[in-house]
């Protein structure tokens, strides 16, 4: 049977529409992890399973842990700087963090490991001059960085990601450094400038980053830009590496005036507002792939978790 061009055009429209409508996300639950009575907390992050949330106090001082199974909030430590990018161990039983002190205008840092059950703190690296915060590789191993030297911090590795290599990305001299085994390269995908918030996709094949004053992008591992996401601050990978969660914040030059947590589909570039509030300022999200949940803090120091449903 002969069909005219209008028929095929109609079929194409249906296929496109089905693709677009299949890419949607909604909030199906909201939990206030902390209340005003508990104190002010910031910069939350999930463990791998999503049943624990780690966060810090003002100015990154100290660490607190929320355990969903016990519905329990407990203080871990008061160490200065401990809340700046701490990471869970690969078995989720401990947390690694850096703590700083200053001598003669110089920062002296040490790396610690704290058992989440006993509270015992062990020093892993002591009195380093150029120690960065701990970092997790694509193989789920905790590593340290000192003057660009990669230092394994875990003896027993538990790979939960399904990615075999130990690739990492970090910032050095305002540029992105990608390292995988013996391969190491410096990337500046958009030319000179200040690069921040780099991360590798769950499969280790793509790079998510922000260039200050320019926007947020996804590139391949050679720095070839694939997606321009516009202003999408503090971006983190979402479901299956096909989504990106971020905050869209505004300020008056001195103070933050508004901020929502949003998510964008890399397949359709549709943006969904997960918070959409005019009276609450939500910031610095983290995403858990195991539970399809997002956690963030408000400007007033509340920790809030959203449960998502992808269609």
C-alpha atoms as a PDB file:
ATOM      1  CA  UNK A   1       0.000   0.000   0.000  1.00  0.00           C
ATOM      2  CA  UNK A   2       1.392   3.353  -1.014  1.00  0.00           C
ATOM      3  CA  UNK A   3       1.698   5.962   1.708  1.00  0.00           C
ATOM      4  CA  UNK A   4       2.325   9.615   1.109  1.00  0.00           C
ATOM      5  CA  UNK A   5       4.929  11.794   2.782  1.00  0.00           C
ATOM      6  CA  UNK A   6       2.361  13.191   5.225  1.00  0.00           C
ATOM      7  CA  UNK A   7       1.873   9.731   6.711  1.00  0.00           C
ATOM      8  CA  UNK A   8       5.586   9.319   7.433  1.00  0.00           C
ATOM      9  CA  UNK A   9       5.804  12.834   8.806  1.00  0.00           C
ATOM     10  CA  UNK A  10       2.952  11.965  11.171  1.00  0.00           C
ATOM     11  CA  UNK A  11       4.765   8.807  12.336  1.00  0.00           C
ATOM     12  CA  UNK A  12       7.953  10.783  12.975  1.00  0.00           C
ATOM     13  CA  UNK A  13       6.004  13.282  15.064  1.00  0.00           C
ATOM     14  CA  UNK A  14       4.554  10.460  17.144  1.00  0.00           C
ATOM     15  CA  UNK A  15       8.002   8.978  17.751  1.00  0.00           C
ATOM     16  CA  UNK A  16       9.427  12.347  18.766  1.00  0.00           C
ATOM     17  CA  UNK A  17       6.480  13.015  21.060  1.00  0.00           C
ATOM     18  CA  UNK A  18       6.824   9.611  22.716  1.00  0.00           C
ATOM     19  CA  UNK A  19      10.531  10.258  23.309  1.00  0.00           C
ATOM     20  CA  UNK A  20       9.842  13.645  24.864  1.00  0.00           C
ATOM     21  CA  UNK A  21       7.000  12.506  27.070  1.00  0.00           C
ATOM     22  CA  UNK A  22       8.936   9.442  28.200  1.00  0.00           C
ATOM     23  CA  UNK A  23      11.586  11.735  29.589  1.00  0.00           C
ATOM     24  CA  UNK A  24       9.952  13.236  32.643  1.00  0.00           C
ATOM     25  CA  UNK A  25      10.548  13.302  36.375  1.00  0.00           C
ATOM     26  CA  UNK A  26       8.356  14.117  39.347  1.00  0.00           C
ATOM     27  CA  UNK A  27       8.764  14.492  43.099  1.00  0.00           C
ATOM     28  CA  UNK A  28       6.831  11.755  44.910  1.00  0.00           C
ATOM     29  CA  UNK A  29       8.006  12.447  48.452  1.00  0.00           C
ATOM     30  CA  UNK A  30       9.705  15.046  50.612  1.00  0.00           C
ATOM     31  CA  UNK A  31      11.461  14.454  53.941  1.00  0.00           C
ATOM     32  CA  UNK A  32      12.907  17.080  56.262  1.00  0.00           C
ATOM     33  CA  UNK A  33      16.006  15.316  57.558  1.00  0.00           C
ATOM     34  CA  UNK A  34      16.752  18.049  60.099  1.00  0.00           C
ATOM     35  CA  UNK A  35      14.662  20.715  61.796  1.00  0.00           C
ATOM     36  CA  UNK A  36      15.521  24.165  63.068  1.00  0.00           C
ATOM     37  CA  UNK A  37      15.710  22.719  66.575  1.00  0.00           C
ATOM     38  CA  UNK A  38      18.522  20.371  65.501  1.00  0.00           C
ATOM     39  CA  UNK A  39      20.779  23.216  64.378  1.00  0.00           C
ATOM     40  CA  UNK A  40      22.069  24.495  61.053  1.00  0.00           C
ATOM     41  CA  UNK A  41      23.622  22.034  58.615  1.00  0.00           C
ATOM     42  CA  UNK A  42      25.021  22.238  55.108  1.00  0.00           C
ATOM     43  CA  UNK A  43      26.492  20.362  52.120  1.00  0.00           C
ATOM     44  CA  UNK A  44      24.768  16.972  52.462  1.00  0.00           C
ATOM     45  CA  UNK A  45      25.801  13.874  50.552  1.00  0.00           C
ATOM     46  CA  UNK A  46      24.532  10.309  50.289  1.00  0.00           C
ATOM     47  CA  UNK A  47      26.388   7.091  50.798  1.00  0.00           C
ATOM     48  CA  UNK A  48      26.189   4.550  47.967  1.00  0.00           C
ATOM     49  CA  UNK A  49      22.995   2.861  49.207  1.00  0.00           C
ATOM     50  CA  UNK A  50      21.286   6.123  50.096  1.00  0.00           C
ATOM     51  CA  UNK A  51      20.465   5.034  53.645  1.00  0.00           C
ATOM     52  CA  UNK A  52      22.997   7.427  55.201  1.00  0.00           C
ATOM     53  CA  UNK A  53      23.474  11.160  54.716  1.00  0.00           C
ATOM     54  CA  UNK A  54      26.573  13.047  55.765  1.00  0.00           C
ATOM     55  CA  UNK A  55      26.603  16.813  56.292  1.00  0.00           C
ATOM     56  CA  UNK A  56      28.515  19.567  58.035  1.00  0.00           C
ATOM     57  CA  UNK A  57      28.070  22.704  60.106  1.00  0.00           C
ATOM     58  CA  UNK A  58      28.770  26.337  59.341  1.00  0.00           C
ATOM     59  CA  UNK A  59      32.135  27.017  57.639  1.00  0.00           C
ATOM     60  CA  UNK A  60      32.600  23.258  57.073  1.00  0.00           C
ATOM     61  CA  UNK A  61      33.230  22.639  60.772  1.00  0.00           C
ATOM     62  CA  UNK A  62      32.473  19.130  61.990  1.00  0.00           C
ATOM     63  CA  UNK A  63      30.467  16.236  60.575  1.00  0.00           C
ATOM     64  CA  UNK A  64      27.009  14.844  61.338  1.00  0.00           C
ATOM     65  CA  UNK A  65      25.429  11.595  60.164  1.00  0.00           C
ATOM     66  CA  UNK A  66      21.788  10.750  59.533  1.00  0.00           C
ATOM     67  CA  UNK A  67      20.918   7.036  59.381  1.00  0.00           C
ATOM     68  CA  UNK A  68      17.553   6.361  57.762  1.00  0.00           C
ATOM     69  CA  UNK A  69      17.128   2.876  59.265  1.00  0.00           C
ATOM     70  CA  UNK A  70      17.394   4.273  62.788  1.00  0.00           C
ATOM     71  CA  UNK A  71      15.896   7.681  61.962  1.00  0.00           C
ATOM     72  CA  UNK A  72      18.856   8.912  63.956  1.00  0.00           C
ATOM     73  CA  UNK A  73      20.971  12.062  63.764  1.00  0.00           C
ATOM     74  CA  UNK A  74      24.366  11.940  65.443  1.00  0.00           C
ATOM     75  CA  UNK A  75      27.407  14.151  65.633  1.00  0.00           C
ATOM     76  CA  UNK A  76      30.644  12.585  64.431  1.00  0.00           C
ATOM     77  CA  UNK A  77      33.261  15.244  65.148  1.00  0.00           C
ATOM     78  CA  UNK A  78      34.047  18.936  65.523  1.00  0.00           C
ATOM     79  CA  UNK A  79      37.126  19.045  63.303  1.00  0.00           C
ATOM     80  CA  UNK A  80      37.654  22.297  61.387  1.00  0.00           C
ATOM     81  CA  UNK A  81      37.298  21.817  57.629  1.00  0.00           C
ATOM     82  CA  UNK A  82      35.994  18.266  57.996  1.00  0.00           C
ATOM     83  CA  UNK A  83      32.846  19.102  56.047  1.00  0.00           C
ATOM     84  CA  UNK A  84      34.677  20.148  52.895  1.00  0.00           C
ATOM     85  CA  UNK A  85      34.045  17.229  50.520  1.00  0.00           C
ATOM     86  CA  UNK A  86      34.330  14.264  52.900  1.00  0.00           C
ATOM     87  CA  UNK A  87      33.616  10.848  51.351  1.00  0.00           C
ATOM     88  CA  UNK A  88      32.213   7.558  52.579  1.00  0.00           C
ATOM     89  CA  UNK A  89      34.528   4.554  52.481  1.00  0.00           C
ATOM     90  CA  UNK A  90      33.820   1.960  49.792  1.00  0.00           C
ATOM     91  CA  UNK A  91      32.066  -0.265  52.362  1.00  0.00           C
ATOM     92  CA  UNK A  92      30.038   2.670  53.799  1.00  0.00           C
ATOM     93  CA  UNK A  93      31.296   1.873  57.313  1.00  0.00           C
ATOM     94  CA  UNK A  94      33.661   4.836  57.649  1.00  0.00           C
ATOM     95  CA  UNK A  95      34.158   8.363  56.404  1.00  0.00           C
ATOM     96  CA  UNK A  96      37.341  10.031  55.174  1.00  0.00           C
ATOM     97  CA  UNK A  97      37.865  13.745  55.723  1.00  0.00           C
ATOM     98  CA  UNK A  98      40.557  16.402  55.695  1.00  0.00           C
ATOM     99  CA  UNK A  99      41.075  18.768  58.620  1.00  0.00           C
ATOM    100  CA  UNK A 100      43.173  21.922  58.573  1.00  0.00           C
ATOM    101  CA  UNK A 101      45.125  24.181  60.863  1.00  0.00           C
ATOM    102  CA  UNK A 102      47.142  27.291  60.041  1.00  0.00           C
ATOM    103  CA  UNK A 103      50.736  28.035  60.994  1.00  0.00           C
ATOM    104  CA  UNK A 104      52.584  31.166  59.850  1.00  0.00           C
ATOM    105  CA  UNK A 105      49.818  31.895  57.331  1.00  0.00           C
ATOM    106  CA  UNK A 106      50.187  28.421  55.817  1.00  0.00           C
ATOM    107  CA  UNK A 107      47.569  25.703  55.780  1.00  0.00           C
ATOM    108  CA  UNK A 108      48.659  22.415  57.302  1.00  0.00           C
ATOM    109  CA  UNK A 109      46.315  19.526  56.542  1.00  0.00           C
ATOM    110  CA  UNK A 110      45.854  15.962  57.717  1.00  0.00           C
ATOM    111  CA  UNK A 111      43.628  13.173  56.411  1.00  0.00           C
ATOM    112  CA  UNK A 112      41.498  11.170  58.825  1.00  0.00           C
ATOM    113  CA  UNK A 113      39.313   8.087  58.754  1.00  0.00           C
ATOM    114  CA  UNK A 114      36.429   7.815  61.220  1.00  0.00           C
ATOM    115  CA  UNK A 115      34.494   4.628  61.906  1.00  0.00           C
ATOM    116  CA  UNK A 116      30.777   5.415  61.792  1.00  0.00           C
ATOM    117  CA  UNK A 117      29.860   2.785  64.384  1.00  0.00           C
ATOM    118  CA  UNK A 118      32.527   3.245  67.047  1.00  0.00           C
ATOM    119  CA  UNK A 119      33.347   6.885  66.290  1.00  0.00           C
ATOM    120  CA  UNK A 120      37.068   6.042  66.414  1.00  0.00           C
ATOM    121  CA  UNK A 121      39.230   8.442  64.372  1.00  0.00           C
ATOM    122  CA  UNK A 122      42.532   7.342  62.805  1.00  0.00           C
ATOM    123  CA  UNK A 123      45.002   9.668  61.147  1.00  0.00           C
ATOM    124  CA  UNK A 124      45.917   8.512  57.634  1.00  0.00           C
ATOM    125  CA  UNK A 125      48.140  11.337  56.344  1.00  0.00           C
ATOM    126  CA  UNK A 126      49.653  13.811  58.783  1.00  0.00           C
ATOM    127  CA  UNK A 127      50.737  17.453  58.365  1.00  0.00           C
ATOM    128  CA  UNK A 128      50.683  17.857  54.590  1.00  0.00           C
ATOM    129  CA  UNK A 129      51.143  21.206  52.824  1.00  0.00           C
ATOM    130  CA  UNK A 130      49.214  20.618  49.604  1.00  0.00           C
ATOM    131  CA  UNK A 131      46.668  17.999  50.583  1.00  0.00           C
ATOM    132  CA  UNK A 132      43.347  18.137  48.775  1.00  0.00           C
ATOM    133  CA  UNK A 133      40.058  16.747  50.064  1.00  0.00           C
ATOM    134  CA  UNK A 134      39.604  12.982  49.583  1.00  0.00           C
ATOM    135  CA  UNK A 135      38.145  11.856  46.278  1.00  0.00           C
ATOM    136  CA  UNK A 136      36.423   8.727  44.965  1.00  0.00           C
ATOM    137  CA  UNK A 137      37.484   7.079  41.736  1.00  0.00           C
ATOM    138  CA  UNK A 138      35.135   5.610  39.150  1.00  0.00           C
ATOM    139  CA  UNK A 139      35.982   2.247  40.728  1.00  0.00           C
ATOM    140  CA  UNK A 140      34.593   3.482  44.084  1.00  0.00           C
ATOM    141  CA  UNK A 141      37.993   3.603  45.796  1.00  0.00           C
ATOM    142  CA  UNK A 142      38.897   6.493  48.104  1.00  0.00           C
ATOM    143  CA  UNK A 143      42.045   8.338  47.060  1.00  0.00           C
ATOM    144  CA  UNK A 144      44.043  11.262  48.381  1.00  0.00           C
ATOM    145  CA  UNK A 145      45.756  13.958  46.351  1.00  0.00           C
ATOM    146  CA  UNK A 146      48.877  15.812  47.412  1.00  0.00           C
ATOM    147  CA  UNK A 147      50.629  18.042  44.877  1.00  0.00           C
ATOM    148  CA  UNK A 148      48.926  15.994  42.147  1.00  0.00           C
ATOM    149  CA  UNK A 149      50.288  12.748  43.603  1.00  0.00           C
ATOM    150  CA  UNK A 150      47.514  10.149  43.878  1.00  0.00           C
ATOM    151  CA  UNK A 151      47.578   8.327  47.209  1.00  0.00           C
ATOM    152  CA  UNK A 152      45.384   5.223  47.748  1.00  0.00           C
ATOM    153  CA  UNK A 153      43.700   5.516  51.145  1.00  0.00           C
ATOM    154  CA  UNK A 154      41.884   2.182  51.225  1.00  0.00           C
ATOM    155  CA  UNK A 155      43.524  -1.215  51.456  1.00  0.00           C
ATOM    156  CA  UNK A 156      40.350  -3.190  50.814  1.00  0.00           C
ATOM    157  CA  UNK A 157      38.547  -2.042  47.678  1.00  0.00           C
ATOM    158  CA  UNK A 158      34.869  -2.792  47.088  1.00  0.00           C
ATOM    159  CA  UNK A 159      33.820  -1.905  43.575  1.00  0.00           C
ATOM    160  CA  UNK A 160      30.095  -1.142  43.590  1.00  0.00           C
ATOM    161  CA  UNK A 161      30.032   0.851  40.383  1.00  0.00           C
ATOM    162  CA  UNK A 162      30.767  -1.851  37.830  1.00  0.00           C
ATOM    163  CA  UNK A 163      33.505   0.392  36.405  1.00  0.00           C
ATOM    164  CA  UNK A 164      36.893  -1.287  36.574  1.00  0.00           C
ATOM    165  CA  UNK A 165      39.297   1.587  36.265  1.00  0.00           C
ATOM    166  CA  UNK A 166      40.388   4.096  38.877  1.00  0.00           C
ATOM    167  CA  UNK A 167      39.789   7.265  36.881  1.00  0.00           C
ATOM    168  CA  UNK A 168      39.461  10.600  38.651  1.00  0.00           C
ATOM    169  CA  UNK A 169      39.080  14.274  37.798  1.00  0.00           C
ATOM    170  CA  UNK A 170      40.124  17.235  39.901  1.00  0.00           C
ATOM    171  CA  UNK A 171      41.079  20.892  39.595  1.00  0.00           C
ATOM    172  CA  UNK A 172      44.666  22.096  39.474  1.00  0.00           C
ATOM    173  CA  UNK A 173      45.594  25.716  38.665  1.00  0.00           C
ATOM    174  CA  UNK A 174      41.972  26.379  37.659  1.00  0.00           C
ATOM    175  CA  UNK A 175      42.084  23.660  34.973  1.00  0.00           C
ATOM    176  CA  UNK A 176      40.600  20.159  34.870  1.00  0.00           C
ATOM    177  CA  UNK A 177      42.973  17.239  35.361  1.00  0.00           C
ATOM    178  CA  UNK A 178      41.852  13.800  34.178  1.00  0.00           C
ATOM    179  CA  UNK A 179      43.824  10.804  35.372  1.00  0.00           C
ATOM    180  CA  UNK A 180      43.282   7.133  34.606  1.00  0.00           C
ATOM    181  CA  UNK A 181      46.081   4.723  35.436  1.00  0.00           C
ATOM    182  CA  UNK A 182      49.255   6.087  33.870  1.00  0.00           C
ATOM    183  CA  UNK A 183      47.297   8.447  31.616  1.00  0.00           C
ATOM    184  CA  UNK A 184      47.100  12.007  32.842  1.00  0.00           C
ATOM    185  CA  UNK A 185      45.999  15.081  30.928  1.00  0.00           C
ATOM    186  CA  UNK A 186      45.026  18.653  31.650  1.00  0.00           C
ATOM    187  CA  UNK A 187      41.870  19.948  29.991  1.00  0.00           C
ATOM    188  CA  UNK A 188      40.557  23.443  29.360  1.00  0.00           C
ATOM    189  CA  UNK A 189      37.616  22.710  27.025  1.00  0.00           C
ATOM    190  CA  UNK A 190      36.575  26.350  26.724  1.00  0.00           C
ATOM    191  CA  UNK A 191      39.994  27.955  26.843  1.00  0.00           C
ATOM    192  CA  UNK A 192      41.600  29.807  29.714  1.00  0.00           C
ATOM    193  CA  UNK A 193      39.482  30.515  32.777  1.00  0.00           C
ATOM    194  CA  UNK A 194      38.396  29.137  36.121  1.00  0.00           C
ATOM    195  CA  UNK A 195      36.992  25.596  35.974  1.00  0.00           C
ATOM    196  CA  UNK A 196      35.058  24.181  38.933  1.00  0.00           C
ATOM    197  CA  UNK A 197      32.891  21.216  40.005  1.00  0.00           C
ATOM    198  CA  UNK A 198      34.273  18.530  37.653  1.00  0.00           C
ATOM    199  CA  UNK A 199      32.944  14.963  37.848  1.00  0.00           C
ATOM    200  CA  UNK A 200      32.965  11.827  35.722  1.00  0.00           C
ATOM    201  CA  UNK A 201      29.774  10.156  34.548  1.00  0.00           C
ATOM    202  CA  UNK A 202      28.780   6.870  36.258  1.00  0.00           C
ATOM    203  CA  UNK A 203      30.284   4.881  33.363  1.00  0.00           C
ATOM    204  CA  UNK A 204      33.448   7.001  33.393  1.00  0.00           C
ATOM    205  CA  UNK A 205      33.056   8.086  29.758  1.00  0.00           C
ATOM    206  CA  UNK A 206      31.978  11.716  30.082  1.00  0.00           C
ATOM    207  CA  UNK A 207      32.971  14.817  31.988  1.00  0.00           C
ATOM    208  CA  UNK A 208      30.618  17.268  33.711  1.00  0.00           C
ATOM    209  CA  UNK A 209      32.042  20.650  34.674  1.00  0.00           C
ATOM    210  CA  UNK A 210      31.373  24.354  35.110  1.00  0.00           C
ATOM    211  CA  UNK A 211      33.411  27.263  33.817  1.00  0.00           C
ATOM    212  CA  UNK A 212      32.960  30.219  36.150  1.00  0.00           C
ATOM    213  CA  UNK A 213      31.056  33.056  34.529  1.00  0.00           C
ATOM    214  CA  UNK A 214      30.278  30.943  31.476  1.00  0.00           C
ATOM    215  CA  UNK A 215      28.072  27.932  32.305  1.00  0.00           C
ATOM    216  CA  UNK A 216      27.963  24.176  32.774  1.00  0.00           C
ATOM    217  CA  UNK A 217      28.884  21.615  30.135  1.00  0.00           C
ATOM    218  CA  UNK A 218      29.242  17.921  29.370  1.00  0.00           C
ATOM    219  CA  UNK A 219      32.232  16.876  27.273  1.00  0.00           C
ATOM    220  CA  UNK A 220      34.021  13.716  26.239  1.00  0.00           C
ATOM    221  CA  UNK A 221      37.302  12.807  27.907  1.00  0.00           C
ATOM    222  CA  UNK A 222      39.248  14.868  25.380  1.00  0.00           C
ATOM    223  CA  UNK A 223      37.358  18.018  26.333  1.00  0.00           C
ATOM    224  CA  UNK A 224      35.131  18.118  23.250  1.00  0.00           C
ATOM    225  CA  UNK A 225      31.906  19.754  24.428  1.00  0.00           C
ATOM    226  CA  UNK A 226      28.775  17.693  23.790  1.00  0.00           C
ATOM    227  CA  UNK A 227      26.150  19.617  25.773  1.00  0.00           C
ATOM    228  CA  UNK A 228      25.818  23.229  26.853  1.00  0.00           C
ATOM    229  CA  UNK A 229      23.562  23.259  29.936  1.00  0.00           C
ATOM    230  CA  UNK A 230      23.633  27.011  30.515  1.00  0.00           C
ATOM    231  CA  UNK A 231      23.707  28.296  34.086  1.00  0.00           C
ATOM    232  CA  UNK A 232      23.529  25.114  36.131  1.00  0.00           C
ATOM    233  CA  UNK A 233      25.574  25.590  39.282  1.00  0.00           C
ATOM    234  CA  UNK A 234      26.974  22.787  41.452  1.00  0.00           C
ATOM    235  CA  UNK A 235      26.023  20.101  38.913  1.00  0.00           C
ATOM    236  CA  UNK A 236      25.934  16.400  39.831  1.00  0.00           C
ATOM    237  CA  UNK A 237      25.170  13.386  37.669  1.00  0.00           C
ATOM    238  CA  UNK A 238      21.622  12.058  37.839  1.00  0.00           C
ATOM    239  CA  UNK A 239      19.951   8.798  36.837  1.00  0.00           C
ATOM    240  CA  UNK A 240      22.106   6.534  34.644  1.00  0.00           C
ATOM    241  CA  UNK A 241      24.243   9.487  33.580  1.00  0.00           C
ATOM    242  CA  UNK A 242      21.364  10.694  31.399  1.00  0.00           C
ATOM    243  CA  UNK A 243      20.337  13.496  33.748  1.00  0.00           C
ATOM    244  CA  UNK A 244      22.107  16.313  35.581  1.00  0.00           C
ATOM    245  CA  UNK A 245      20.891  17.785  38.880  1.00  0.00           C
ATOM    246  CA  UNK A 246      21.899  21.356  39.705  1.00  0.00           C
ATOM    247  CA  UNK A 247      20.942  24.547  41.517  1.00  0.00           C
ATOM    248  CA  UNK A 248      19.770  27.647  39.719  1.00  0.00           C
ATOM    249  CA  UNK A 249      20.672  30.466  42.085  1.00  0.00           C
ATOM    250  CA  UNK A 250      20.448  34.246  41.756  1.00  0.00           C
ATOM    251  CA  UNK A 251      22.028  37.010  43.793  1.00  0.00           C
ATOM    252  CA  UNK A 252      22.104  40.788  44.099  1.00  0.00           C
ATOM    253  CA  UNK A 253      25.881  40.986  44.060  1.00  0.00           C
ATOM    254  CA  UNK A 254      26.190  40.349  47.789  1.00  0.00           C
ATOM    255  CA  UNK A 255      23.475  37.961  48.910  1.00  0.00           C
ATOM    256  CA  UNK A 256      21.700  35.008  47.356  1.00  0.00           C
ATOM    257  CA  UNK A 257      18.137  36.078  46.603  1.00  0.00           C
ATOM    258  CA  UNK A 258      16.689  32.826  45.234  1.00  0.00           C
ATOM    259  CA  UNK A 259      17.678  29.289  44.351  1.00  0.00           C
ATOM    260  CA  UNK A 260      15.853  26.150  43.200  1.00  0.00           C
ATOM    261  CA  UNK A 261      17.028  22.604  42.659  1.00  0.00           C
ATOM    262  CA  UNK A 262      16.468  21.545  39.063  1.00  0.00           C
ATOM    263  CA  UNK A 263      17.183  18.563  36.837  1.00  0.00           C
ATOM    264  CA  UNK A 264      17.822  18.410  33.092  1.00  0.00           C
ATOM    265  CA  UNK A 265      17.526  15.479  30.702  1.00  0.00           C
ATOM    266  CA  UNK A 266      20.535  15.142  28.430  1.00  0.00           C
ATOM    267  CA  UNK A 267      18.383  13.341  25.868  1.00  0.00           C
ATOM    268  CA  UNK A 268      15.793  16.095  25.453  1.00  0.00           C
ATOM    269  CA  UNK A 269      17.386  19.041  27.301  1.00  0.00           C
ATOM    270  CA  UNK A 270      14.098  19.484  29.181  1.00  0.00           C
ATOM    271  CA  UNK A 271      14.483  21.103  32.593  1.00  0.00           C
ATOM    272  CA  UNK A 272      12.266  20.185  35.561  1.00  0.00           C
ATOM    273  CA  UNK A 273      12.075  22.306  38.713  1.00  0.00           C
ATOM    274  CA  UNK A 274      12.182  19.935  41.682  1.00  0.00           C
ATOM    275  CA  UNK A 275      11.570  22.554  44.380  1.00  0.00           C
ATOM    276  CA  UNK A 276       9.871  25.529  42.710  1.00  0.00           C
ATOM    277  CA  UNK A 277       9.595  27.643  45.860  1.00  0.00           C
ATOM    278  CA  UNK A 278       9.560  31.411  46.161  1.00  0.00           C
ATOM    279  CA  UNK A 279      10.115  31.597  49.922  1.00  0.00           C
ATOM    280  CA  UNK A 280      12.818  28.930  50.421  1.00  0.00           C
ATOM    281  CA  UNK A 281      16.356  29.015  49.022  1.00  0.00           C
ATOM    282  CA  UNK A 282      17.553  25.483  48.200  1.00  0.00           C
ATOM    283  CA  UNK A 283      21.197  24.810  47.391  1.00  0.00           C
ATOM    284  CA  UNK A 284      24.010  22.278  46.806  1.00  0.00           C
ATOM    285  CA  UNK A 285      22.255  19.051  45.787  1.00  0.00           C
ATOM    286  CA  UNK A 286      23.481  15.475  45.803  1.00  0.00           C
ATOM    287  CA  UNK A 287      21.865  12.571  43.944  1.00  0.00           C
ATOM    288  CA  UNK A 288      21.639   8.902  44.947  1.00  0.00           C
ATOM    289  CA  UNK A 289      21.378   6.444  42.050  1.00  0.00           C
ATOM    290  CA  UNK A 290      20.343   3.563  44.319  1.00  0.00           C
ATOM    291  CA  UNK A 291      17.191   5.303  45.547  1.00  0.00           C
ATOM    292  CA  UNK A 292      16.506   8.015  42.958  1.00  0.00           C
ATOM    293  CA  UNK A 293      16.643  10.687  45.637  1.00  0.00           C
ATOM    294  CA  UNK A 294      18.074  14.193  45.872  1.00  0.00           C
ATOM    295  CA  UNK A 295      19.274  15.836  49.072  1.00  0.00           C
ATOM    296  CA  UNK A 296      20.172  19.510  49.577  1.00  0.00           C
ATOM    297  CA  UNK A 297      20.360  22.225  52.213  1.00  0.00           C
ATOM    298  CA  UNK A 298      18.390  25.424  52.535  1.00  0.00           C
ATOM    299  CA  UNK A 299      19.930  28.814  53.171  1.00  0.00           C
ATOM    300  CA  UNK A 300      18.691  28.576  56.771  1.00  0.00           C
ATOM    301  CA  UNK A 301      20.517  25.275  57.324  1.00  0.00           C
ATOM    302  CA  UNK A 302      17.817  22.611  56.913  1.00  0.00           C
ATOM    303  CA  UNK A 303      18.619  19.316  55.204  1.00  0.00           C
ATOM    304  CA  UNK A 304      15.832  18.130  52.898  1.00  0.00           C
ATOM    305  CA  UNK A 305      15.487  14.974  50.798  1.00  0.00           C
ATOM    306  CA  UNK A 306      13.268  14.552  47.737  1.00  0.00           C
ATOM    307  CA  UNK A 307      12.215  11.156  46.370  1.00  0.00           C
ATOM    308  CA  UNK A 308      11.948  11.154  42.581  1.00  0.00           C
ATOM    309  CA  UNK A 309      10.092   9.124  39.972  1.00  0.00           C
ATOM    310  CA  UNK A 310      11.378   8.964  36.414  1.00  0.00           C
ATOM    311  CA  UNK A 311       8.982   8.198  33.562  1.00  0.00           C
END
